[in-house]
């Protein structure tokens, strides 16, 4: 509303035309300046930003879950290959099962060491798994090759997923910083909101 009024006034000035009802326009503009967004608008805009952050997180976790599932399936398939040392797979299976419980959540990721530990645990398993599944890049079967490639692609996407989440979380945090008092007054799920931790190192 405020933007439309200013555009009309500027256009009228530029073309030398009289602005209609200047007093009414001034009143509306002043009202918009004093009340830039109604509580309903603040809530709706915040909900969009919150949902965007939620979706970004869910997609990132779904990708990580799929990667872990592919790792477990790959180990199962490797156990069926006569050329693979089965004894070497057992400790790798156990290590893979221990990865998921160590994963951070949206609050514990506020601790950078927690994220680093999780990444290190995954990397340590993958460094052993890749050469075992595809020595010198040669997988024993097409299916095993596909699993290796899927895991590698998912691993390479981690930075991208985290970047997407950080952008969504920053938008959420910025809006919360500006409209936090208004949201708190709404009560319920909007009371006591806290900024979302980010992956980036400050």
N, C-alpha and C. Protein backbone atom coordinates (compact mmCIF):
# COMPACT_ATOMS: atom_id res chain seq x y z
N UNK A 1 0.83 -1.20 0.00
CA UNK A 1 0.00 0.00 0.00
C UNK A 1 0.87 1.24 0.00
N UNK A 2 1.86 1.31 0.92
CA UNK A 2 2.72 2.48 1.02
C UNK A 2 3.49 2.68 -0.27
N UNK A 3 3.99 1.55 -0.84
CA UNK A 3 4.78 1.64 -2.06
C UNK A 3 3.94 2.17 -3.22
N UNK A 4 2.69 1.70 -3.32
CA UNK A 4 1.81 2.14 -4.40
C UNK A 4 1.53 3.63 -4.32
N UNK A 5 1.33 4.12 -3.09
CA UNK A 5 1.04 5.54 -2.90
C UNK A 5 2.23 6.39 -3.32
N UNK A 6 3.42 5.97 -2.90
CA UNK A 6 4.62 6.74 -3.25
C UNK A 6 4.85 6.72 -4.76
N UNK A 7 4.58 5.58 -5.40
CA UNK A 7 4.75 5.51 -6.85
C UNK A 7 3.80 6.49 -7.54
N UNK A 8 2.54 6.55 -7.06
CA UNK A 8 1.56 7.46 -7.64
C UNK A 8 1.97 8.91 -7.46
N UNK A 9 2.45 9.24 -6.27
CA UNK A 9 2.87 10.62 -5.99
C UNK A 9 4.06 11.01 -6.84
N UNK A 10 5.03 10.10 -6.98
CA UNK A 10 6.22 10.39 -7.77
C UNK A 10 5.86 10.56 -9.25
N UNK A 11 4.93 9.71 -9.71
CA UNK A 11 4.51 9.81 -11.11
C UNK A 11 3.80 11.14 -11.37
N UNK A 12 2.97 11.55 -10.42
CA UNK A 12 2.25 12.81 -10.56
C UNK A 12 3.20 13.98 -10.60
N UNK A 13 4.22 13.94 -9.77
CA UNK A 13 5.21 15.02 -9.72
C UNK A 13 6.01 15.07 -11.01
N UNK A 14 6.40 13.88 -11.49
CA UNK A 14 7.26 13.81 -12.67
C UNK A 14 6.55 14.34 -13.91
N UNK A 15 5.26 14.08 -14.03
CA UNK A 15 4.52 14.49 -15.22
C UNK A 15 3.74 15.79 -15.02
N UNK A 16 3.94 16.44 -13.89
CA UNK A 16 3.28 17.71 -13.65
C UNK A 16 1.79 17.61 -13.44
N UNK A 17 1.31 16.44 -13.03
CA UNK A 17 -0.11 16.24 -12.81
C UNK A 17 -0.43 16.42 -11.34
N UNK A 18 -1.59 16.94 -11.02
CA UNK A 18 -1.96 17.10 -9.61
C UNK A 18 -2.28 15.75 -8.99
N UNK A 19 -1.84 15.55 -7.77
CA UNK A 19 -2.15 14.31 -7.06
C UNK A 19 -3.54 14.41 -6.47
N UNK A 20 -4.31 13.34 -6.60
CA UNK A 20 -5.68 13.35 -6.08
C UNK A 20 -5.68 13.22 -4.57
N UNK A 21 -6.48 14.02 -3.92
CA UNK A 21 -6.69 13.94 -2.48
C UNK A 21 -5.37 13.81 -1.71
N UNK A 22 -4.52 14.85 -1.75
CA UNK A 22 -3.22 14.77 -1.08
C UNK A 22 -3.33 14.50 0.40
N UNK A 23 -4.34 15.05 1.05
CA UNK A 23 -4.48 14.83 2.49
C UNK A 23 -4.73 13.36 2.80
N UNK A 24 -5.60 12.73 1.99
CA UNK A 24 -5.89 11.31 2.19
C UNK A 24 -4.65 10.46 1.96
N UNK A 25 -3.88 10.80 0.91
CA UNK A 25 -2.67 10.05 0.61
C UNK A 25 -1.67 10.16 1.75
N UNK A 26 -1.53 11.37 2.30
CA UNK A 26 -0.59 11.56 3.40
C UNK A 26 -1.00 10.76 4.61
N UNK A 27 -2.30 10.75 4.89
CA UNK A 27 -2.80 9.99 6.04
C UNK A 27 -2.52 8.50 5.87
N UNK A 28 -2.77 7.98 4.66
CA UNK A 28 -2.54 6.56 4.40
C UNK A 28 -1.06 6.22 4.49
N UNK A 29 -0.21 7.12 3.97
CA UNK A 29 1.22 6.87 4.01
C UNK A 29 1.74 6.87 5.43
N UNK A 30 1.28 7.83 6.22
CA UNK A 30 1.70 7.89 7.62
C UNK A 30 1.26 6.64 8.37
N UNK A 31 0.06 6.17 8.08
CA UNK A 31 -0.44 4.97 8.75
C UNK A 31 0.40 3.76 8.38
N UNK A 32 0.79 3.68 7.10
CA UNK A 32 1.61 2.55 6.67
C UNK A 32 2.98 2.59 7.32
N UNK A 33 3.51 3.82 7.50
CA UNK A 33 4.83 3.95 8.12
C UNK A 33 4.79 3.53 9.59
N UNK A 34 3.69 3.89 10.26
CA UNK A 34 3.57 3.55 11.67
C UNK A 34 3.19 2.09 11.89
N UNK A 35 2.54 1.47 10.91
CA UNK A 35 2.11 0.07 11.03
C UNK A 35 2.50 -0.68 9.76
N UNK A 36 3.79 -0.99 9.59
CA UNK A 36 4.27 -1.61 8.35
C UNK A 36 3.68 -2.98 8.08
N UNK A 37 3.25 -3.69 9.12
CA UNK A 37 2.67 -5.02 8.93
C UNK A 37 1.73 -5.32 10.08
N UNK A 38 0.59 -5.89 9.76
CA UNK A 38 -0.36 -6.27 10.80
C UNK A 38 0.14 -7.55 11.47
N UNK A 39 -0.37 -7.87 12.67
CA UNK A 39 0.03 -9.12 13.33
C UNK A 39 -0.19 -10.34 12.44
N UNK A 40 -1.29 -10.33 11.69
CA UNK A 40 -1.56 -11.47 10.80
C UNK A 40 -0.51 -11.58 9.71
N UNK A 41 -0.08 -10.42 9.19
CA UNK A 41 0.95 -10.42 8.15
C UNK A 41 2.30 -10.87 8.71
N UNK A 42 2.62 -10.40 9.90
CA UNK A 42 3.87 -10.81 10.54
C UNK A 42 3.88 -12.32 10.75
N UNK A 43 2.79 -12.83 11.25
CA UNK A 43 2.69 -14.28 11.50
C UNK A 43 2.80 -15.07 10.19
N UNK A 44 2.12 -14.61 9.17
CA UNK A 44 2.13 -15.33 7.88
C UNK A 44 3.53 -15.32 7.27
N UNK A 45 4.20 -14.17 7.32
CA UNK A 45 5.54 -14.08 6.76
C UNK A 45 6.52 -14.94 7.55
N UNK A 46 6.36 -14.94 8.86
CA UNK A 46 7.24 -15.75 9.69
C UNK A 46 7.02 -17.24 9.42
N UNK A 47 5.76 -17.63 9.28
CA UNK A 47 5.45 -19.04 9.01
C UNK A 47 6.11 -19.52 7.72
N UNK A 48 6.13 -18.66 6.72
CA UNK A 48 6.77 -19.01 5.44
C UNK A 48 8.26 -19.24 5.64
N UNK A 49 8.91 -18.35 6.39
CA UNK A 49 10.35 -18.48 6.63
C UNK A 49 10.66 -19.70 7.49
N UNK A 50 9.82 -19.95 8.48
CA UNK A 50 10.01 -21.13 9.33
C UNK A 50 9.85 -22.41 8.51
N UNK A 51 8.83 -22.45 7.66
CA UNK A 51 8.60 -23.63 6.83
C UNK A 51 9.75 -23.85 5.86
N UNK A 52 10.29 -22.77 5.33
CA UNK A 52 11.41 -22.88 4.40
C UNK A 52 12.63 -23.49 5.10
N UNK A 53 12.90 -23.05 6.32
CA UNK A 53 14.02 -23.63 7.08
C UNK A 53 13.75 -25.09 7.41
N UNK A 54 12.51 -25.40 7.76
CA UNK A 54 12.14 -26.79 8.08
C UNK A 54 12.36 -27.70 6.87
N UNK A 55 11.90 -27.25 5.71
CA UNK A 55 12.03 -28.07 4.50
C UNK A 55 13.49 -28.26 4.13
N UNK A 56 14.29 -27.21 4.25
CA UNK A 56 15.72 -27.32 3.95
C UNK A 56 16.39 -28.34 4.86
N UNK A 57 16.02 -28.31 6.14
CA UNK A 57 16.58 -29.27 7.09
C UNK A 57 16.14 -30.69 6.75
N UNK A 58 14.87 -30.86 6.47
CA UNK A 58 14.35 -32.20 6.18
C UNK A 58 14.99 -32.80 4.93
N UNK A 59 15.20 -31.99 3.92
CA UNK A 59 15.85 -32.48 2.70
C UNK A 59 17.29 -32.90 2.98
N UNK A 60 17.97 -32.11 3.78
CA UNK A 60 19.35 -32.43 4.13
C UNK A 60 19.44 -33.72 4.91
N UNK A 61 18.56 -33.90 5.89
CA UNK A 61 18.56 -35.12 6.69
C UNK A 61 18.15 -36.33 5.86
N UNK A 62 17.20 -36.14 4.93
CA UNK A 62 16.77 -37.24 4.07
C UNK A 62 17.92 -37.71 3.19
N UNK A 63 18.70 -36.77 2.68
CA UNK A 63 19.86 -37.13 1.87
C UNK A 63 20.88 -37.91 2.70
N UNK A 64 21.10 -37.46 3.93
CA UNK A 64 22.06 -38.15 4.80
C UNK A 64 21.55 -39.54 5.17
N UNK A 65 20.26 -39.65 5.46
CA UNK A 65 19.67 -40.97 5.77
C UNK A 65 19.83 -41.93 4.60
N UNK A 66 19.59 -41.42 3.39
CA UNK A 66 19.73 -42.26 2.19
C UNK A 66 21.17 -42.70 2.01
N UNK A 67 22.10 -41.81 2.28
CA UNK A 67 23.51 -42.17 2.14
C UNK A 67 23.89 -43.27 3.11
N UNK A 68 23.44 -43.15 4.36
CA UNK A 68 23.74 -44.18 5.36
C UNK A 68 23.10 -45.52 4.98
N UNK A 69 21.87 -45.46 4.45
CA UNK A 69 21.19 -46.69 4.02
C UNK A 69 21.94 -47.34 2.86
N UNK A 70 22.42 -46.52 1.93
CA UNK A 70 23.19 -47.05 0.81
C UNK A 70 24.50 -47.68 1.28
N UNK A 71 25.11 -47.09 2.28
CA UNK A 71 26.35 -47.65 2.83
C UNK A 71 26.10 -49.04 3.42
N UNK A 72 25.00 -49.17 4.15
CA UNK A 72 24.67 -50.47 4.75
C UNK A 72 24.36 -51.51 3.68
N UNK A 73 23.60 -51.10 2.67
CA UNK A 73 23.26 -52.03 1.59
C UNK A 73 24.50 -52.42 0.80
N UNK A 74 25.37 -51.47 0.58
CA UNK A 74 26.62 -51.75 -0.13
C UNK A 74 27.44 -52.79 0.61
N UNK A 75 27.52 -52.66 1.92
CA UNK A 75 28.27 -53.63 2.72
C UNK A 75 27.64 -55.02 2.62
N UNK A 76 26.33 -55.07 2.58
CA UNK A 76 25.64 -56.36 2.42
C UNK A 76 25.97 -56.99 1.08
N UNK A 77 25.95 -56.19 0.02
CA UNK A 77 26.27 -56.71 -1.31
C UNK A 77 27.73 -57.14 -1.41
N UNK A 78 28.60 -56.40 -0.77
CA UNK A 78 30.02 -56.76 -0.79
C UNK A 78 30.25 -58.11 -0.12
N UNK A 79 29.44 -58.40 0.90
CA UNK A 79 29.58 -59.68 1.60
C UNK A 79 29.26 -60.88 0.72
N UNK A 80 28.60 -60.64 -0.41
CA UNK A 80 28.25 -61.73 -1.33
C UNK A 80 29.29 -61.93 -2.43
N UNK A 81 30.31 -61.07 -2.43
CA UNK A 81 31.33 -61.16 -3.47
C UNK A 81 32.49 -62.03 -3.01
N UNK A 82 32.84 -63.06 -3.81
CA UNK A 82 33.93 -63.96 -3.41
C UNK A 82 35.29 -63.27 -3.34
N UNK A 83 35.43 -62.17 -4.06
CA UNK A 83 36.73 -61.49 -4.08
C UNK A 83 36.95 -60.57 -2.89
N UNK A 84 35.92 -60.39 -2.09
CA UNK A 84 36.01 -59.45 -0.95
C UNK A 84 36.30 -60.21 0.33
N UNK A 85 37.20 -59.64 1.13
CA UNK A 85 37.54 -60.22 2.43
C UNK A 85 36.38 -59.96 3.39
N UNK A 86 35.58 -60.99 3.65
CA UNK A 86 34.39 -60.85 4.48
C UNK A 86 34.75 -60.42 5.90
N UNK A 87 35.88 -60.89 6.40
CA UNK A 87 36.29 -60.54 7.77
C UNK A 87 36.50 -59.04 7.91
N UNK A 88 36.89 -58.39 6.83
CA UNK A 88 37.13 -56.94 6.89
C UNK A 88 35.82 -56.16 6.92
N UNK A 89 34.73 -56.81 6.56
CA UNK A 89 33.45 -56.11 6.50
C UNK A 89 32.79 -55.96 7.86
N UNK A 90 33.01 -56.90 8.76
CA UNK A 90 32.33 -56.86 10.06
C UNK A 90 32.61 -55.59 10.85
N UNK A 91 33.88 -55.22 11.05
CA UNK A 91 34.12 -53.97 11.79
C UNK A 91 33.58 -52.74 11.05
N UNK A 92 33.56 -52.83 9.72
CA UNK A 92 33.05 -51.71 8.93
C UNK A 92 31.53 -51.60 9.09
N UNK A 93 30.86 -52.73 9.17
CA UNK A 93 29.42 -52.72 9.42
C UNK A 93 29.11 -52.08 10.78
N UNK A 94 29.87 -52.48 11.78
CA UNK A 94 29.65 -51.94 13.12
C UNK A 94 29.91 -50.44 13.15
N UNK A 95 30.95 -50.02 12.47
CA UNK A 95 31.28 -48.58 12.43
C UNK A 95 30.18 -47.80 11.72
N UNK A 96 29.61 -48.39 10.67
CA UNK A 96 28.54 -47.72 9.93
C UNK A 96 27.29 -47.58 10.80
N UNK A 97 26.99 -48.59 11.58
CA UNK A 97 25.81 -48.53 12.46
C UNK A 97 25.97 -47.49 13.56
N UNK A 98 27.21 -47.16 13.89
CA UNK A 98 27.45 -46.18 14.96
C UNK A 98 27.39 -44.74 14.46
N UNK A 99 27.31 -44.55 13.16
CA UNK A 99 27.32 -43.19 12.62
C UNK A 99 26.06 -42.41 12.98
N UNK A 100 24.91 -42.99 12.67
CA UNK A 100 23.63 -42.27 12.82
C UNK A 100 23.39 -41.76 14.24
N UNK A 101 23.64 -42.54 15.30
CA UNK A 101 23.38 -42.03 16.65
C UNK A 101 24.24 -40.82 17.02
N UNK A 102 25.31 -40.59 16.29
CA UNK A 102 26.20 -39.47 16.61
C UNK A 102 25.84 -38.19 15.85
N UNK A 103 24.79 -38.26 15.05
CA UNK A 103 24.45 -37.09 14.24
C UNK A 103 23.87 -35.97 15.11
N UNK A 104 24.18 -34.76 14.75
CA UNK A 104 23.68 -33.56 15.41
C UNK A 104 22.21 -33.35 15.06
N UNK A 105 21.53 -32.53 15.84
CA UNK A 105 20.19 -32.08 15.48
C UNK A 105 20.22 -30.55 15.34
N UNK A 106 19.06 -29.94 15.21
CA UNK A 106 19.03 -28.50 14.92
C UNK A 106 19.47 -27.65 16.10
N UNK A 107 19.52 -28.22 17.28
CA UNK A 107 20.00 -27.47 18.44
C UNK A 107 21.44 -27.84 18.79
N UNK A 108 21.74 -29.14 18.79
CA UNK A 108 23.10 -29.55 19.17
C UNK A 108 24.13 -29.11 18.15
N UNK A 109 23.70 -28.77 16.92
CA UNK A 109 24.65 -28.30 15.91
C UNK A 109 25.21 -26.92 16.25
N UNK A 110 24.68 -26.30 17.31
CA UNK A 110 25.25 -25.04 17.77
C UNK A 110 26.68 -25.24 18.21
N UNK A 111 27.03 -26.49 18.53
CA UNK A 111 28.40 -26.83 18.89
C UNK A 111 29.14 -27.31 17.65
N UNK A 112 30.06 -26.51 17.14
CA UNK A 112 30.81 -26.88 15.93
C UNK A 112 31.55 -28.20 16.08
N UNK A 113 32.15 -28.49 17.26
CA UNK A 113 32.83 -29.79 17.41
C UNK A 113 31.90 -30.97 17.19
N UNK A 114 30.61 -30.81 17.51
CA UNK A 114 29.65 -31.90 17.30
C UNK A 114 29.52 -32.20 15.81
N UNK A 115 29.46 -31.18 15.00
CA UNK A 115 29.38 -31.34 13.55
C UNK A 115 30.67 -31.95 13.02
N UNK A 116 31.79 -31.44 13.50
CA UNK A 116 33.09 -31.94 13.05
C UNK A 116 33.26 -33.42 13.38
N UNK A 117 32.81 -33.82 14.56
CA UNK A 117 32.93 -35.23 14.96
C UNK A 117 32.11 -36.12 14.03
N UNK A 118 30.91 -35.68 13.73
CA UNK A 118 30.05 -36.48 12.86
C UNK A 118 30.67 -36.62 11.47
N UNK A 119 31.18 -35.52 10.94
CA UNK A 119 31.81 -35.57 9.62
C UNK A 119 33.03 -36.48 9.64
N UNK A 120 33.80 -36.41 10.71
CA UNK A 120 35.01 -37.22 10.82
C UNK A 120 34.68 -38.70 10.88
N UNK A 121 33.64 -39.04 11.64
CA UNK A 121 33.23 -40.45 11.75
C UNK A 121 32.80 -40.98 10.39
N UNK A 122 32.01 -40.20 9.67
CA UNK A 122 31.58 -40.63 8.33
C UNK A 122 32.77 -40.79 7.40
N UNK A 123 33.63 -39.79 7.39
CA UNK A 123 34.78 -39.82 6.48
C UNK A 123 35.68 -41.02 6.75
N UNK A 124 35.86 -41.35 8.02
CA UNK A 124 36.74 -42.47 8.36
C UNK A 124 36.19 -43.79 7.82
N UNK A 125 34.87 -43.94 7.82
CA UNK A 125 34.25 -45.16 7.27
C UNK A 125 34.34 -45.16 5.75
N UNK A 126 34.06 -44.03 5.13
CA UNK A 126 34.09 -43.95 3.67
C UNK A 126 35.48 -44.18 3.10
N UNK A 127 36.49 -43.73 3.81
CA UNK A 127 37.87 -43.91 3.33
C UNK A 127 38.24 -45.39 3.25
N UNK A 128 37.63 -46.20 4.09
CA UNK A 128 37.87 -47.64 4.05
C UNK A 128 36.92 -48.32 3.07
N UNK A 129 35.69 -47.82 3.01
CA UNK A 129 34.66 -48.45 2.19
C UNK A 129 34.91 -48.30 0.70
N UNK A 130 35.30 -47.12 0.26
CA UNK A 130 35.48 -46.89 -1.17
C UNK A 130 36.49 -47.84 -1.82
N UNK A 131 37.71 -47.93 -1.30
CA UNK A 131 38.68 -48.84 -1.94
C UNK A 131 38.31 -50.31 -1.80
N UNK A 132 37.53 -50.62 -0.77
CA UNK A 132 37.10 -52.01 -0.61
C UNK A 132 36.02 -52.36 -1.63
N UNK A 133 35.12 -51.42 -1.88
CA UNK A 133 34.02 -51.66 -2.82
C UNK A 133 34.46 -51.54 -4.28
N UNK A 134 35.37 -50.62 -4.53
CA UNK A 134 35.83 -50.40 -5.91
C UNK A 134 37.32 -50.15 -5.92
N UNK A 135 38.11 -51.22 -5.76
CA UNK A 135 39.57 -51.04 -5.75
C UNK A 135 40.05 -50.43 -7.06
N UNK A 136 40.81 -49.36 -6.94
CA UNK A 136 41.31 -48.61 -8.10
C UNK A 136 40.17 -48.19 -9.03
N UNK A 137 39.00 -47.96 -8.43
CA UNK A 137 37.85 -47.48 -9.20
C UNK A 137 37.09 -48.55 -9.94
N UNK A 138 37.44 -49.81 -9.72
CA UNK A 138 36.80 -50.92 -10.43
C UNK A 138 35.90 -51.72 -9.49
N UNK A 139 34.61 -51.48 -9.57
CA UNK A 139 33.65 -52.22 -8.74
C UNK A 139 33.39 -53.59 -9.36
N UNK A 140 33.18 -54.62 -8.54
CA UNK A 140 32.97 -55.98 -9.07
C UNK A 140 31.66 -56.15 -9.83
N UNK A 141 30.65 -55.33 -9.51
CA UNK A 141 29.36 -55.42 -10.22
C UNK A 141 28.84 -54.02 -10.51
N UNK A 142 27.91 -53.95 -11.45
CA UNK A 142 27.31 -52.66 -11.80
C UNK A 142 26.50 -52.10 -10.63
N UNK A 143 25.86 -52.99 -9.88
CA UNK A 143 25.05 -52.55 -8.75
C UNK A 143 25.92 -51.93 -7.66
N UNK A 144 27.05 -52.56 -7.39
CA UNK A 144 27.97 -52.02 -6.39
C UNK A 144 28.52 -50.68 -6.86
N UNK A 145 28.83 -50.60 -8.15
CA UNK A 145 29.32 -49.33 -8.70
C UNK A 145 28.27 -48.23 -8.52
N UNK A 146 27.00 -48.56 -8.77
CA UNK A 146 25.93 -47.57 -8.63
C UNK A 146 25.81 -47.09 -7.19
N UNK A 147 25.95 -48.01 -6.24
CA UNK A 147 25.88 -47.62 -4.82
C UNK A 147 27.05 -46.70 -4.46
N UNK A 148 28.23 -47.05 -4.94
CA UNK A 148 29.40 -46.23 -4.65
C UNK A 148 29.21 -44.82 -5.21
N UNK A 149 28.72 -44.73 -6.43
CA UNK A 149 28.52 -43.42 -7.05
C UNK A 149 27.43 -42.62 -6.33
N UNK A 150 26.37 -43.30 -5.91
CA UNK A 150 25.29 -42.61 -5.18
C UNK A 150 25.80 -42.06 -3.86
N UNK A 151 26.62 -42.84 -3.17
CA UNK A 151 27.17 -42.40 -1.89
C UNK A 151 28.11 -41.22 -2.10
N UNK A 152 28.93 -41.30 -3.13
CA UNK A 152 29.86 -40.21 -3.42
C UNK A 152 29.11 -38.92 -3.77
N UNK A 153 28.05 -39.05 -4.56
CA UNK A 153 27.27 -37.87 -4.92
C UNK A 153 26.59 -37.25 -3.70
N UNK A 154 26.05 -38.10 -2.84
CA UNK A 154 25.41 -37.60 -1.62
C UNK A 154 26.42 -36.91 -0.72
N UNK A 155 27.61 -37.49 -0.64
CA UNK A 155 28.65 -36.91 0.20
C UNK A 155 29.11 -35.56 -0.35
N UNK A 156 29.17 -35.47 -1.67
CA UNK A 156 29.57 -34.21 -2.30
C UNK A 156 28.50 -33.13 -2.16
N UNK A 157 27.27 -33.53 -1.88
CA UNK A 157 26.16 -32.58 -1.77
C UNK A 157 26.00 -31.99 -0.38
N UNK A 158 26.78 -32.47 0.57
CA UNK A 158 26.63 -32.02 1.96
C UNK A 158 26.80 -30.51 2.08
N UNK A 159 27.85 -29.98 1.47
CA UNK A 159 28.12 -28.54 1.56
C UNK A 159 26.97 -27.74 0.95
N UNK A 160 26.44 -28.22 -0.18
CA UNK A 160 25.33 -27.51 -0.83
C UNK A 160 24.09 -27.51 0.05
N UNK A 161 23.77 -28.66 0.64
CA UNK A 161 22.59 -28.74 1.51
C UNK A 161 22.76 -27.82 2.73
N UNK A 162 23.95 -27.81 3.28
CA UNK A 162 24.19 -26.95 4.45
C UNK A 162 24.10 -25.48 4.07
N UNK A 163 24.56 -25.14 2.88
CA UNK A 163 24.46 -23.76 2.42
C UNK A 163 23.01 -23.33 2.24
N UNK A 164 22.20 -24.22 1.67
CA UNK A 164 20.77 -23.93 1.51
C UNK A 164 20.10 -23.73 2.87
N UNK A 165 20.44 -24.60 3.80
CA UNK A 165 19.84 -24.48 5.13
C UNK A 165 20.26 -23.18 5.80
N UNK A 166 21.53 -22.84 5.70
CA UNK A 166 22.00 -21.61 6.33
C UNK A 166 21.29 -20.38 5.78
N UNK A 167 21.06 -20.35 4.48
CA UNK A 167 20.36 -19.20 3.90
C UNK A 167 18.93 -19.10 4.43
N UNK A 168 18.26 -20.25 4.52
CA UNK A 168 16.90 -20.24 5.05
C UNK A 168 16.89 -19.87 6.53
N UNK A 169 17.86 -20.39 7.28
CA UNK A 169 17.93 -20.10 8.71
C UNK A 169 18.28 -18.63 8.97
N UNK A 170 19.13 -18.06 8.13
CA UNK A 170 19.48 -16.64 8.28
C UNK A 170 18.26 -15.75 8.05
N UNK A 171 17.47 -16.08 7.03
CA UNK A 171 16.26 -15.31 6.77
C UNK A 171 15.30 -15.40 7.95
N UNK A 172 15.18 -16.59 8.51
CA UNK A 172 14.36 -16.80 9.71
C UNK A 172 14.89 -15.96 10.87
N UNK A 173 16.19 -16.03 11.11
CA UNK A 173 16.80 -15.31 12.23
C UNK A 173 16.66 -13.80 12.08
N UNK A 174 16.87 -13.31 10.86
CA UNK A 174 16.77 -11.87 10.63
C UNK A 174 15.35 -11.37 10.88
N UNK A 175 14.37 -12.14 10.42
CA UNK A 175 12.98 -11.75 10.63
C UNK A 175 12.63 -11.80 12.11
N UNK A 176 13.14 -12.82 12.79
CA UNK A 176 12.88 -12.95 14.23
C UNK A 176 13.49 -11.79 15.00
N UNK A 177 14.65 -11.35 14.57
CA UNK A 177 15.31 -10.23 15.24
C UNK A 177 14.48 -8.94 15.11
N UNK A 178 13.89 -8.75 13.95
CA UNK A 178 13.11 -7.53 13.70
C UNK A 178 11.72 -7.60 14.34
N UNK A 179 11.09 -8.77 14.27
CA UNK A 179 9.70 -8.89 14.70
C UNK A 179 9.52 -9.79 15.93
N UNK A 180 10.61 -10.03 16.65
CA UNK A 180 10.54 -10.92 17.80
C UNK A 180 9.52 -10.51 18.85
N UNK A 181 9.46 -9.22 19.16
CA UNK A 181 8.51 -8.75 20.17
C UNK A 181 7.07 -8.97 19.73
N UNK A 182 6.81 -8.69 18.47
CA UNK A 182 5.45 -8.88 17.96
C UNK A 182 5.04 -10.35 18.00
N UNK A 183 5.98 -11.23 17.64
CA UNK A 183 5.69 -12.66 17.64
C UNK A 183 5.47 -13.18 19.06
N UNK A 184 6.28 -12.68 20.00
CA UNK A 184 6.15 -13.12 21.39
C UNK A 184 4.77 -12.77 21.94
N UNK A 185 4.26 -11.61 21.57
CA UNK A 185 2.93 -11.19 22.05
C UNK A 185 1.82 -12.11 21.54
N UNK A 186 2.09 -12.81 20.46
CA UNK A 186 1.07 -13.73 19.92
C UNK A 186 0.91 -14.97 20.79
N UNK A 187 1.93 -15.26 21.60
CA UNK A 187 1.86 -16.39 22.51
C UNK A 187 1.89 -17.73 21.80
N UNK A 188 1.61 -18.77 22.54
CA UNK A 188 1.59 -20.11 21.96
C UNK A 188 2.92 -20.50 21.36
N UNK A 189 2.88 -21.02 20.15
CA UNK A 189 4.09 -21.48 19.47
C UNK A 189 5.02 -20.33 19.10
N UNK A 190 4.53 -19.09 19.20
CA UNK A 190 5.34 -17.94 18.82
C UNK A 190 6.04 -17.30 20.01
N UNK A 191 5.79 -17.79 21.20
CA UNK A 191 6.44 -17.27 22.40
C UNK A 191 7.75 -18.00 22.64
N UNK A 192 8.76 -17.27 23.02
CA UNK A 192 10.04 -17.88 23.36
C UNK A 192 10.82 -18.42 22.18
N UNK A 193 10.60 -17.88 20.99
CA UNK A 193 11.34 -18.34 19.81
C UNK A 193 12.81 -17.96 19.92
N UNK A 194 13.68 -18.84 19.46
CA UNK A 194 15.11 -18.60 19.51
C UNK A 194 15.70 -18.66 18.10
N UNK A 195 16.81 -17.95 17.88
CA UNK A 195 17.47 -18.04 16.57
C UNK A 195 17.95 -19.46 16.29
N UNK A 196 18.01 -19.80 15.02
CA UNK A 196 18.48 -21.13 14.62
C UNK A 196 20.00 -21.11 14.47
N UNK A 197 20.69 -22.11 15.02
CA UNK A 197 22.14 -22.21 14.81
C UNK A 197 22.46 -22.40 13.33
N UNK A 198 23.64 -21.97 12.94
CA UNK A 198 24.07 -22.07 11.54
C UNK A 198 25.27 -23.00 11.42
N UNK A 199 25.49 -23.52 10.23
CA UNK A 199 26.65 -24.36 9.99
C UNK A 199 27.92 -23.54 9.82
N UNK A 200 27.77 -22.34 9.26
CA UNK A 200 28.96 -21.55 8.96
C UNK A 200 29.73 -21.19 10.22
N UNK A 201 31.05 -21.12 10.06
CA UNK A 201 31.91 -20.73 11.18
C UNK A 201 32.03 -19.22 11.17
N UNK A 202 31.67 -18.61 12.29
CA UNK A 202 31.71 -17.15 12.36
C UNK A 202 33.13 -16.66 12.59
